[in-house]
Amino acid sequence: MDKEPTSPKCPSCGVAGIEHFVSKESTSRSRYREPWFFVIYCDQCGHVYNVIAKHVFAQTATRVVLPNENVE
C-alpha cells in the first residue's frame, strides 16, 4: 500500500508539478497600496486555478449610545 505522492497537474495543458502553480498580485490596490487579490495560474498555459482575496476590511466595533436616564 505504498503510494507515491502525486504532483498537481494542470487540467488544460497537462503539465505536472507544483512549480508550475504561480501567483500574481492584482493591479487594483487599496488606499494603503495592498493588492485586492491574488490570481493563481499555470505558468505554461495561463489556466486560472483560483482567485484569493488579499485585502480585507478591518472589523470595527459598533458603538451603542443610550439616552442618559436620570432616575430619582
N, C-alpha and C. Protein backbone atom coordinates (compact mmCIF):
# COMPACT_ATOMS: atom_id res chain seq x y z
N MET A 1 0.82 -1.18 0.00
CA MET A 1 0.00 0.00 0.00
C MET A 1 0.87 1.26 0.00
N ASP A 2 2.02 1.17 -0.59
CA ASP A 2 2.91 2.33 -0.69
C ASP A 2 2.58 3.12 -1.94
N LYS A 3 1.92 4.26 -1.73
CA LYS A 3 1.58 5.11 -2.86
C LYS A 3 2.60 6.23 -2.97
N GLU A 4 3.03 6.47 -4.17
CA GLU A 4 3.94 7.58 -4.40
C GLU A 4 3.14 8.87 -4.41
N PRO A 5 3.71 9.95 -3.86
CA PRO A 5 2.98 11.22 -3.89
C PRO A 5 2.80 11.70 -5.33
N THR A 6 1.64 12.25 -5.60
CA THR A 6 1.36 12.73 -6.95
C THR A 6 1.55 14.24 -7.01
N SER A 7 1.98 14.71 -8.13
CA SER A 7 2.14 16.15 -8.35
C SER A 7 0.85 16.70 -8.93
N PRO A 8 0.50 17.95 -8.56
CA PRO A 8 -0.67 18.56 -9.17
C PRO A 8 -0.47 18.70 -10.67
N LYS A 9 -1.56 18.56 -11.41
CA LYS A 9 -1.50 18.57 -12.86
C LYS A 9 -2.50 19.59 -13.40
N CYS A 10 -2.07 20.37 -14.37
CA CYS A 10 -2.93 21.37 -14.99
C CYS A 10 -4.00 20.66 -15.82
N PRO A 11 -5.27 21.00 -15.60
CA PRO A 11 -6.33 20.35 -16.38
C PRO A 11 -6.36 20.80 -17.85
N SER A 12 -5.75 21.94 -18.17
CA SER A 12 -5.78 22.43 -19.55
C SER A 12 -4.65 21.89 -20.41
N CYS A 13 -3.40 22.02 -19.91
CA CYS A 13 -2.27 21.62 -20.76
C CYS A 13 -1.59 20.34 -20.30
N GLY A 14 -1.88 19.87 -19.08
CA GLY A 14 -1.34 18.61 -18.61
C GLY A 14 0.03 18.67 -17.96
N VAL A 15 0.65 19.86 -17.86
CA VAL A 15 1.95 19.96 -17.20
C VAL A 15 1.78 19.63 -15.72
N ALA A 16 2.73 18.88 -15.16
CA ALA A 16 2.64 18.44 -13.77
C ALA A 16 3.74 19.07 -12.93
N GLY A 17 3.44 19.36 -11.68
CA GLY A 17 4.43 19.88 -10.74
C GLY A 17 3.98 21.18 -10.08
N ILE A 18 4.23 21.25 -8.81
CA ILE A 18 3.82 22.43 -8.02
C ILE A 18 4.56 23.69 -8.48
N GLU A 19 5.72 23.51 -9.09
CA GLU A 19 6.49 24.67 -9.56
C GLU A 19 5.80 25.42 -10.70
N HIS A 20 4.78 24.80 -11.30
CA HIS A 20 4.04 25.45 -12.38
C HIS A 20 2.82 26.22 -11.88
N PHE A 21 2.54 26.13 -10.58
CA PHE A 21 1.48 26.93 -9.97
C PHE A 21 2.12 28.23 -9.51
N VAL A 22 1.75 29.33 -10.11
CA VAL A 22 2.32 30.62 -9.74
C VAL A 22 1.19 31.59 -9.39
N SER A 23 1.56 32.65 -8.66
CA SER A 23 0.55 33.63 -8.29
C SER A 23 1.02 35.03 -8.68
N LYS A 24 0.05 35.90 -8.87
CA LYS A 24 0.35 37.28 -9.24
C LYS A 24 -0.62 38.18 -8.49
N GLU A 25 -0.09 39.30 -7.97
CA GLU A 25 -0.93 40.26 -7.27
C GLU A 25 -1.80 41.02 -8.27
N SER A 26 -2.97 41.42 -7.83
CA SER A 26 -3.84 42.22 -8.68
C SER A 26 -3.23 43.60 -8.89
N THR A 27 -3.58 44.21 -10.00
CA THR A 27 -3.11 45.58 -10.24
C THR A 27 -3.97 46.59 -9.47
N SER A 28 -5.19 46.21 -9.12
CA SER A 28 -6.04 47.07 -8.29
C SER A 28 -5.52 47.04 -6.87
N ARG A 29 -5.43 48.20 -6.26
CA ARG A 29 -4.87 48.32 -4.91
C ARG A 29 -5.81 49.07 -3.99
N SER A 30 -5.66 48.80 -2.70
CA SER A 30 -6.40 49.54 -1.69
C SER A 30 -5.72 50.89 -1.48
N ARG A 31 -6.32 51.73 -0.67
CA ARG A 31 -5.70 53.04 -0.42
C ARG A 31 -4.38 52.93 0.33
N TYR A 32 -4.14 51.76 0.95
CA TYR A 32 -2.86 51.51 1.63
C TYR A 32 -1.88 50.75 0.74
N ARG A 33 -2.18 50.68 -0.57
CA ARG A 33 -1.33 50.06 -1.59
C ARG A 33 -1.24 48.54 -1.46
N GLU A 34 -2.20 47.91 -0.78
CA GLU A 34 -2.25 46.45 -0.68
C GLU A 34 -3.02 45.91 -1.89
N PRO A 35 -2.61 44.77 -2.44
CA PRO A 35 -3.38 44.20 -3.55
C PRO A 35 -4.74 43.70 -3.05
N TRP A 36 -5.75 43.79 -3.89
CA TRP A 36 -7.09 43.33 -3.51
C TRP A 36 -7.16 41.81 -3.53
N PHE A 37 -6.42 41.17 -4.45
CA PHE A 37 -6.49 39.71 -4.56
C PHE A 37 -5.24 39.17 -5.24
N PHE A 38 -5.07 37.85 -5.18
CA PHE A 38 -4.03 37.12 -5.89
C PHE A 38 -4.69 36.19 -6.90
N VAL A 39 -4.08 36.06 -8.07
CA VAL A 39 -4.55 35.11 -9.08
C VAL A 39 -3.54 33.98 -9.13
N ILE A 40 -4.01 32.74 -8.96
CA ILE A 40 -3.14 31.56 -9.04
C ILE A 40 -3.41 30.89 -10.39
N TYR A 41 -2.33 30.70 -11.16
CA TYR A 41 -2.49 30.21 -12.52
C TYR A 41 -1.33 29.31 -12.93
N CYS A 42 -1.49 28.63 -14.06
CA CYS A 42 -0.46 27.77 -14.64
C CYS A 42 0.51 28.65 -15.43
N ASP A 43 1.81 28.49 -15.17
CA ASP A 43 2.79 29.33 -15.87
C ASP A 43 3.05 28.87 -17.31
N GLN A 44 2.51 27.72 -17.69
CA GLN A 44 2.70 27.22 -19.05
C GLN A 44 1.59 27.67 -20.01
N CYS A 45 0.34 27.57 -19.56
CA CYS A 45 -0.77 27.89 -20.47
C CYS A 45 -1.66 29.03 -19.98
N GLY A 46 -1.51 29.44 -18.72
CA GLY A 46 -2.30 30.54 -18.19
C GLY A 46 -3.62 30.15 -17.58
N HIS A 47 -3.89 28.86 -17.47
CA HIS A 47 -5.14 28.40 -16.86
C HIS A 47 -5.24 28.94 -15.43
N VAL A 48 -6.35 29.59 -15.09
CA VAL A 48 -6.54 30.16 -13.76
C VAL A 48 -7.14 29.10 -12.85
N TYR A 49 -6.43 28.80 -11.75
CA TYR A 49 -6.90 27.82 -10.78
C TYR A 49 -7.82 28.46 -9.75
N ASN A 50 -7.44 29.66 -9.28
CA ASN A 50 -8.18 30.27 -8.20
C ASN A 50 -7.87 31.75 -8.11
N VAL A 51 -8.75 32.49 -7.47
CA VAL A 51 -8.53 33.89 -7.14
C VAL A 51 -8.77 34.00 -5.64
N ILE A 52 -7.77 34.52 -4.91
CA ILE A 52 -7.84 34.59 -3.46
C ILE A 52 -7.83 36.03 -3.01
N ALA A 53 -8.78 36.38 -2.15
CA ALA A 53 -8.84 37.74 -1.61
C ALA A 53 -7.63 38.01 -0.73
N LYS A 54 -7.04 39.17 -0.88
CA LYS A 54 -5.89 39.56 -0.06
C LYS A 54 -6.27 40.65 0.92
N HIS A 55 -6.87 41.70 0.38
CA HIS A 55 -7.21 42.85 1.21
C HIS A 55 -8.55 42.61 1.88
N VAL A 56 -8.58 42.74 3.19
CA VAL A 56 -9.83 42.61 3.92
C VAL A 56 -10.04 43.86 4.76
N PHE A 57 -11.29 44.22 4.93
CA PHE A 57 -11.60 45.38 5.75
C PHE A 57 -11.56 44.99 7.21
N ALA A 58 -10.99 45.86 8.02
CA ALA A 58 -10.93 45.61 9.46
C ALA A 58 -12.33 45.78 10.04
N GLN A 59 -12.68 44.88 10.92
CA GLN A 59 -13.99 44.97 11.54
C GLN A 59 -13.90 45.99 12.67
N THR A 60 -14.82 46.91 12.67
CA THR A 60 -14.84 47.92 13.72
C THR A 60 -16.00 47.65 14.64
N ALA A 61 -15.81 47.97 15.90
CA ALA A 61 -16.87 47.75 16.88
C ALA A 61 -17.95 48.82 16.71
N THR A 62 -19.18 48.40 16.84
CA THR A 62 -20.31 49.33 16.76
C THR A 62 -20.51 49.92 18.15
N ARG A 63 -20.56 51.21 18.19
CA ARG A 63 -20.73 51.89 19.48
C ARG A 63 -22.20 52.20 19.66
N VAL A 64 -22.76 51.72 20.76
CA VAL A 64 -24.16 51.96 21.06
C VAL A 64 -24.25 53.10 22.06
N VAL A 65 -25.01 54.10 21.71
CA VAL A 65 -25.20 55.26 22.58
C VAL A 65 -26.63 55.22 23.10
N LEU A 66 -26.75 55.15 24.43
CA LEU A 66 -28.06 55.12 25.05
C LEU A 66 -28.39 56.48 25.63
N PRO A 67 -29.68 56.83 25.67
CA PRO A 67 -30.04 58.12 26.27
C PRO A 67 -29.71 58.11 27.76
N ASN A 68 -29.33 59.27 28.26
CA ASN A 68 -28.98 59.42 29.67
C ASN A 68 -30.26 59.45 30.48
N GLU A 69 -30.44 58.45 31.33
CA GLU A 69 -31.66 58.37 32.15
C GLU A 69 -31.32 58.80 33.56
N ASN A 70 -32.01 59.82 34.04
CA ASN A 70 -31.84 60.28 35.42
C ASN A 70 -32.98 59.72 36.23
N VAL A 71 -32.70 58.71 37.01
CA VAL A 71 -33.71 58.04 37.82
C VAL A 71 -33.59 58.61 39.23
N GLU A 72 -34.71 59.16 39.76
CA GLU A 72 -34.69 59.73 41.13
C GLU A 72 -35.53 58.92 42.05
